[in-house]
Amino acid sequence: MSNYIKEIFDKLSTIDNNYIFIISIIPYSIFLFYLYKNPKISKTIKIGFSLTLLFVLITIIFSIISLTIYDKSLVEIDSLHGLAESFLTITDFIILLGFINFLKKIEVKNS
């Protein structure tokens, strides 16, 4: 059984994930479309989820920079990788703030 699982993981590791990454923008765009149509969702949450696209754009830009200048992948250049990941942290923090405020409003209405 373990050899079978190992073979599956070996085959999965050969798949070029760039195409999966590109295609994943489509369902995320649909998610954002319906998120913005919902008036109950706060603007902070909407902005936070939209900033995830900025994180993706910055990651792509930093990947190109690391490949052209340093001839290495982004994960090998700690300063650029850390800077790109900091944008994800900021995005997650904004989403968290939006949900905290959203839950506070629900608690006040139910009290």
N, C-alpha and C. Protein backbone atom coordinates (compact mmCIF):
# COMPACT_ATOMS: atom_id res chain seq x y z
N MET A 1 0.82 -1.20 0.00
CA MET A 1 0.00 0.00 0.00
C MET A 1 0.86 1.25 0.00
N SER A 2 1.93 1.26 0.79
CA SER A 2 2.76 2.45 0.87
C SER A 2 3.51 2.72 -0.44
N ASN A 3 3.86 1.66 -1.19
CA ASN A 3 4.50 1.87 -2.49
C ASN A 3 3.53 2.51 -3.46
N TYR A 4 2.27 2.13 -3.39
CA TYR A 4 1.26 2.70 -4.26
C TYR A 4 1.08 4.20 -3.97
N ILE A 5 1.05 4.55 -2.71
CA ILE A 5 0.92 5.96 -2.33
C ILE A 5 2.15 6.73 -2.75
N LYS A 6 3.32 6.12 -2.59
CA LYS A 6 4.57 6.77 -3.01
C LYS A 6 4.56 7.03 -4.52
N GLU A 7 4.07 6.07 -5.30
CA GLU A 7 3.99 6.24 -6.75
C GLU A 7 3.04 7.39 -7.12
N ILE A 8 1.94 7.48 -6.40
CA ILE A 8 0.98 8.57 -6.66
C ILE A 8 1.65 9.91 -6.40
N PHE A 9 2.35 10.03 -5.26
CA PHE A 9 3.02 11.29 -4.95
C PHE A 9 4.14 11.59 -5.93
N ASP A 10 4.84 10.57 -6.38
CA ASP A 10 5.89 10.78 -7.38
C ASP A 10 5.30 11.32 -8.68
N LYS A 11 4.16 10.78 -9.10
CA LYS A 11 3.52 11.27 -10.33
C LYS A 11 2.99 12.69 -10.14
N LEU A 12 2.42 12.94 -8.97
CA LEU A 12 1.91 14.29 -8.71
C LEU A 12 3.03 15.33 -8.67
N SER A 13 4.21 14.92 -8.24
CA SER A 13 5.32 15.87 -8.15
C SER A 13 5.85 16.27 -9.51
N THR A 14 5.52 15.50 -10.54
CA THR A 14 6.00 15.85 -11.88
C THR A 14 5.06 16.81 -12.61
N ILE A 15 3.88 17.05 -12.05
CA ILE A 15 2.91 17.94 -12.69
C ILE A 15 3.38 19.39 -12.56
N ASP A 16 3.32 20.12 -13.66
CA ASP A 16 3.67 21.54 -13.65
C ASP A 16 2.50 22.30 -13.03
N ASN A 17 2.71 22.87 -11.86
CA ASN A 17 1.62 23.52 -11.14
C ASN A 17 1.37 24.96 -11.58
N ASN A 18 2.12 25.48 -12.51
CA ASN A 18 1.89 26.85 -12.99
C ASN A 18 0.51 26.99 -13.62
N TYR A 19 0.09 25.97 -14.35
CA TYR A 19 -1.21 26.03 -15.01
C TYR A 19 -2.34 25.98 -13.99
N ILE A 20 -2.16 25.17 -12.96
CA ILE A 20 -3.16 25.11 -11.89
C ILE A 20 -3.27 26.47 -11.21
N PHE A 21 -2.13 27.11 -10.99
CA PHE A 21 -2.09 28.44 -10.38
C PHE A 21 -2.84 29.45 -11.24
N ILE A 22 -2.62 29.41 -12.54
CA ILE A 22 -3.28 30.35 -13.45
C ILE A 22 -4.78 30.10 -13.49
N ILE A 23 -5.18 28.84 -13.57
CA ILE A 23 -6.61 28.50 -13.65
C ILE A 23 -7.33 28.84 -12.34
N SER A 24 -6.61 28.81 -11.23
CA SER A 24 -7.26 29.08 -9.94
C SER A 24 -7.75 30.53 -9.82
N ILE A 25 -7.28 31.41 -10.68
CA ILE A 25 -7.74 32.79 -10.67
C ILE A 25 -9.22 32.86 -11.06
N ILE A 26 -9.67 31.94 -11.92
CA ILE A 26 -11.07 31.97 -12.39
C ILE A 26 -12.07 31.75 -11.26
N PRO A 27 -11.95 30.66 -10.47
CA PRO A 27 -12.93 30.52 -9.38
C PRO A 27 -12.79 31.60 -8.32
N TYR A 28 -11.56 32.10 -8.12
CA TYR A 28 -11.40 33.18 -7.14
C TYR A 28 -12.08 34.46 -7.61
N SER A 29 -12.02 34.72 -8.90
CA SER A 29 -12.71 35.89 -9.45
C SER A 29 -14.23 35.75 -9.31
N ILE A 30 -14.73 34.55 -9.52
CA ILE A 30 -16.17 34.31 -9.32
C ILE A 30 -16.53 34.52 -7.86
N PHE A 31 -15.67 34.02 -6.95
CA PHE A 31 -15.89 34.23 -5.52
C PHE A 31 -15.96 35.72 -5.20
N LEU A 32 -15.02 36.52 -5.73
CA LEU A 32 -15.02 37.96 -5.48
C LEU A 32 -16.26 38.63 -6.06
N PHE A 33 -16.69 38.18 -7.22
CA PHE A 33 -17.88 38.75 -7.85
C PHE A 33 -19.09 38.62 -6.93
N TYR A 34 -19.30 37.42 -6.42
CA TYR A 34 -20.46 37.20 -5.55
C TYR A 34 -20.24 37.81 -4.16
N LEU A 35 -19.02 37.92 -3.73
CA LEU A 35 -18.73 38.58 -2.46
C LEU A 35 -19.13 40.04 -2.51
N TYR A 36 -18.81 40.70 -3.61
CA TYR A 36 -19.15 42.11 -3.76
C TYR A 36 -20.65 42.33 -3.99
N LYS A 37 -21.35 41.31 -4.46
CA LYS A 37 -22.80 41.44 -4.65
C LYS A 37 -23.57 41.32 -3.34
N ASN A 38 -22.95 40.76 -2.30
CA ASN A 38 -23.61 40.56 -1.02
C ASN A 38 -23.48 41.82 -0.17
N PRO A 39 -24.59 42.51 0.10
CA PRO A 39 -24.51 43.76 0.87
C PRO A 39 -24.26 43.53 2.37
N LYS A 40 -24.43 42.31 2.84
CA LYS A 40 -24.23 42.03 4.27
C LYS A 40 -22.75 41.94 4.64
N ILE A 41 -21.91 41.69 3.66
CA ILE A 41 -20.47 41.56 3.91
C ILE A 41 -19.86 42.95 3.98
N SER A 42 -19.04 43.18 5.00
CA SER A 42 -18.45 44.51 5.20
C SER A 42 -17.40 44.83 4.13
N LYS A 43 -17.17 46.10 3.97
CA LYS A 43 -16.20 46.58 2.98
C LYS A 43 -14.79 46.11 3.34
N THR A 44 -14.50 46.01 4.63
CA THR A 44 -13.16 45.57 5.06
C THR A 44 -12.89 44.14 4.59
N ILE A 45 -13.88 43.28 4.73
CA ILE A 45 -13.70 41.89 4.28
C ILE A 45 -13.52 41.85 2.77
N LYS A 46 -14.30 42.62 2.05
CA LYS A 46 -14.19 42.65 0.59
C LYS A 46 -12.82 43.15 0.14
N ILE A 47 -12.33 44.19 0.79
CA ILE A 47 -11.01 44.72 0.45
C ILE A 47 -9.93 43.70 0.78
N GLY A 48 -10.06 43.04 1.92
CA GLY A 48 -9.07 42.04 2.31
C GLY A 48 -8.96 40.91 1.30
N PHE A 49 -10.10 40.38 0.88
CA PHE A 49 -10.06 39.30 -0.12
C PHE A 49 -9.57 39.81 -1.47
N SER A 50 -9.85 41.06 -1.79
CA SER A 50 -9.35 41.63 -3.05
C SER A 50 -7.85 41.82 -3.01
N LEU A 51 -7.33 42.15 -1.84
CA LEU A 51 -5.88 42.34 -1.71
C LEU A 51 -5.11 41.03 -1.90
N THR A 52 -5.80 39.91 -1.81
CA THR A 52 -5.14 38.64 -2.10
C THR A 52 -4.63 38.61 -3.54
N LEU A 53 -5.39 39.25 -4.43
CA LEU A 53 -4.92 39.34 -5.82
C LEU A 53 -3.66 40.20 -5.92
N LEU A 54 -3.56 41.22 -5.07
CA LEU A 54 -2.33 42.02 -5.04
C LEU A 54 -1.16 41.17 -4.57
N PHE A 55 -1.41 40.32 -3.57
CA PHE A 55 -0.37 39.39 -3.12
C PHE A 55 0.10 38.50 -4.26
N VAL A 56 -0.85 37.97 -5.04
CA VAL A 56 -0.50 37.11 -6.17
C VAL A 56 0.34 37.88 -7.18
N LEU A 57 -0.08 39.11 -7.49
CA LEU A 57 0.66 39.93 -8.44
C LEU A 57 2.08 40.22 -7.94
N ILE A 58 2.20 40.58 -6.67
CA ILE A 58 3.52 40.87 -6.10
C ILE A 58 4.40 39.63 -6.10
N THR A 59 3.80 38.47 -5.80
CA THR A 59 4.56 37.23 -5.83
C THR A 59 5.07 36.93 -7.22
N ILE A 60 4.25 37.16 -8.23
CA ILE A 60 4.68 36.93 -9.62
C ILE A 60 5.81 37.88 -9.98
N ILE A 61 5.67 39.14 -9.61
CA ILE A 61 6.72 40.14 -9.92
C ILE A 61 8.03 39.77 -9.23
N PHE A 62 7.94 39.40 -7.94
CA PHE A 62 9.16 39.03 -7.21
C PHE A 62 9.76 37.74 -7.75
N SER A 63 8.94 36.83 -8.24
CA SER A 63 9.46 35.60 -8.86
C SER A 63 10.24 35.92 -10.12
N ILE A 64 9.71 36.83 -10.91
CA ILE A 64 10.41 37.24 -12.14
C ILE A 64 11.72 37.93 -11.79
N ILE A 65 11.68 38.79 -10.79
CA ILE A 65 12.92 39.48 -10.37
C ILE A 65 13.95 38.49 -9.88
N SER A 66 13.54 37.53 -9.07
CA SER A 66 14.50 36.57 -8.53
C SER A 66 15.09 35.69 -9.62
N LEU A 67 14.28 35.37 -10.63
CA LEU A 67 14.80 34.55 -11.72
C LEU A 67 15.73 35.34 -12.64
N THR A 68 15.40 36.60 -12.92
CA THR A 68 16.21 37.37 -13.86
C THR A 68 17.48 37.93 -13.22
N ILE A 69 17.38 38.41 -12.01
CA ILE A 69 18.55 39.03 -11.37
C ILE A 69 19.44 38.00 -10.70
N TYR A 70 18.84 37.10 -9.93
CA TYR A 70 19.62 36.15 -9.13
C TYR A 70 19.71 34.76 -9.74
N ASP A 71 18.94 34.49 -10.78
CA ASP A 71 18.89 33.18 -11.42
C ASP A 71 18.54 32.07 -10.41
N LYS A 72 17.63 32.41 -9.50
CA LYS A 72 17.15 31.46 -8.49
C LYS A 72 15.65 31.63 -8.35
N SER A 73 15.01 30.62 -7.78
CA SER A 73 13.57 30.73 -7.55
C SER A 73 13.31 31.66 -6.37
N LEU A 74 12.06 32.07 -6.25
CA LEU A 74 11.69 33.03 -5.20
C LEU A 74 11.97 32.48 -3.80
N VAL A 75 11.73 31.19 -3.59
CA VAL A 75 11.92 30.63 -2.25
C VAL A 75 13.39 30.58 -1.85
N GLU A 76 14.29 30.75 -2.79
CA GLU A 76 15.72 30.75 -2.48
C GLU A 76 16.24 32.14 -2.10
N ILE A 77 15.48 33.18 -2.38
CA ILE A 77 15.87 34.55 -2.06
C ILE A 77 15.01 34.98 -0.87
N ASP A 78 15.57 34.88 0.33
CA ASP A 78 14.80 35.09 1.55
C ASP A 78 14.19 36.48 1.65
N SER A 79 14.94 37.50 1.25
CA SER A 79 14.41 38.87 1.40
C SER A 79 13.18 39.10 0.51
N LEU A 80 13.24 38.66 -0.73
CA LEU A 80 12.09 38.84 -1.63
C LEU A 80 10.92 37.93 -1.21
N HIS A 81 11.25 36.71 -0.82
CA HIS A 81 10.19 35.79 -0.41
C HIS A 81 9.50 36.30 0.86
N GLY A 82 10.27 36.78 1.80
CA GLY A 82 9.69 37.32 3.02
C GLY A 82 8.84 38.55 2.76
N LEU A 83 9.30 39.40 1.85
CA LEU A 83 8.53 40.60 1.50
C LEU A 83 7.22 40.22 0.82
N ALA A 84 7.27 39.24 -0.08
CA ALA A 84 6.04 38.79 -0.74
C ALA A 84 5.08 38.18 0.27
N GLU A 85 5.59 37.37 1.17
CA GLU A 85 4.72 36.74 2.17
C GLU A 85 4.17 37.76 3.16
N SER A 86 4.88 38.86 3.37
CA SER A 86 4.36 39.89 4.27
C SER A 86 3.07 40.50 3.72
N PHE A 87 2.95 40.57 2.40
CA PHE A 87 1.71 41.06 1.81
C PHE A 87 0.55 40.10 2.09
N LEU A 88 0.83 38.81 2.11
CA LEU A 88 -0.21 37.84 2.47
C LEU A 88 -0.61 38.00 3.93
N THR A 89 0.35 38.25 4.78
CA THR A 89 0.06 38.46 6.20
C THR A 89 -0.81 39.69 6.40
N ILE A 90 -0.49 40.76 5.70
CA ILE A 90 -1.30 41.99 5.79
C ILE A 90 -2.71 41.72 5.29
N THR A 91 -2.83 41.01 4.18
CA THR A 91 -4.14 40.67 3.63
C THR A 91 -4.95 39.85 4.63
N ASP A 92 -4.32 38.83 5.21
CA ASP A 92 -5.02 37.99 6.19
C ASP A 92 -5.44 38.80 7.41
N PHE A 93 -4.61 39.75 7.82
CA PHE A 93 -4.94 40.59 8.97
C PHE A 93 -6.15 41.47 8.68
N ILE A 94 -6.23 42.02 7.48
CA ILE A 94 -7.37 42.86 7.10
C ILE A 94 -8.65 42.03 7.05
N ILE A 95 -8.56 40.82 6.51
CA ILE A 95 -9.73 39.94 6.49
C ILE A 95 -10.15 39.61 7.92
N LEU A 96 -9.20 39.32 8.78
CA LEU A 96 -9.50 39.01 10.18
C LEU A 96 -10.19 40.19 10.87
N LEU A 97 -9.67 41.40 10.66
CA LEU A 97 -10.30 42.59 11.23
C LEU A 97 -11.74 42.74 10.74
N GLY A 98 -11.95 42.48 9.46
CA GLY A 98 -13.29 42.57 8.91
C GLY A 98 -14.24 41.59 9.56
N PHE A 99 -13.79 40.36 9.76
CA PHE A 99 -14.66 39.36 10.40
C PHE A 99 -14.86 39.66 11.88
N ILE A 100 -13.87 40.20 12.55
CA ILE A 100 -14.04 40.57 13.97
C ILE A 100 -15.11 41.66 14.08
N ASN A 101 -15.02 42.67 13.24
CA ASN A 101 -16.04 43.74 13.24
C ASN A 101 -17.41 43.20 12.86
N PHE A 102 -17.45 42.28 11.91
CA PHE A 102 -18.70 41.66 11.48
C PHE A 102 -19.35 40.90 12.64
N LEU A 103 -18.54 40.14 13.38
CA LEU A 103 -19.07 39.37 14.52
C LEU A 103 -19.51 40.30 15.66
N LYS A 104 -18.81 41.40 15.84
CA LYS A 104 -19.23 42.36 16.87
C LYS A 104 -20.60 42.95 16.54
N LYS A 105 -20.85 43.24 15.27
CA LYS A 105 -22.15 43.78 14.86
C LYS A 105 -23.26 42.75 15.10
N ILE A 106 -22.96 41.49 14.82
CA ILE A 106 -23.96 40.44 15.04
C ILE A 106 -24.27 40.30 16.53
N GLU A 107 -23.23 40.38 17.39
CA GLU A 107 -23.44 40.27 18.82
C GLU A 107 -24.28 41.41 19.35
N VAL A 108 -24.06 42.63 18.86
CA VAL A 108 -24.82 43.79 19.32
C VAL A 108 -26.28 43.65 18.91
N LYS A 109 -26.55 43.19 17.70
CA LYS A 109 -27.93 43.03 17.23
C LYS A 109 -28.65 41.95 18.02
N ASN A 110 -27.95 40.90 18.43
CA ASN A 110 -28.58 39.82 19.15
C ASN A 110 -28.76 40.11 20.62
N SER A 111 -28.07 41.08 21.16
CA SER A 111 -28.15 41.37 22.59
C SER A 111 -29.46 42.01 22.96
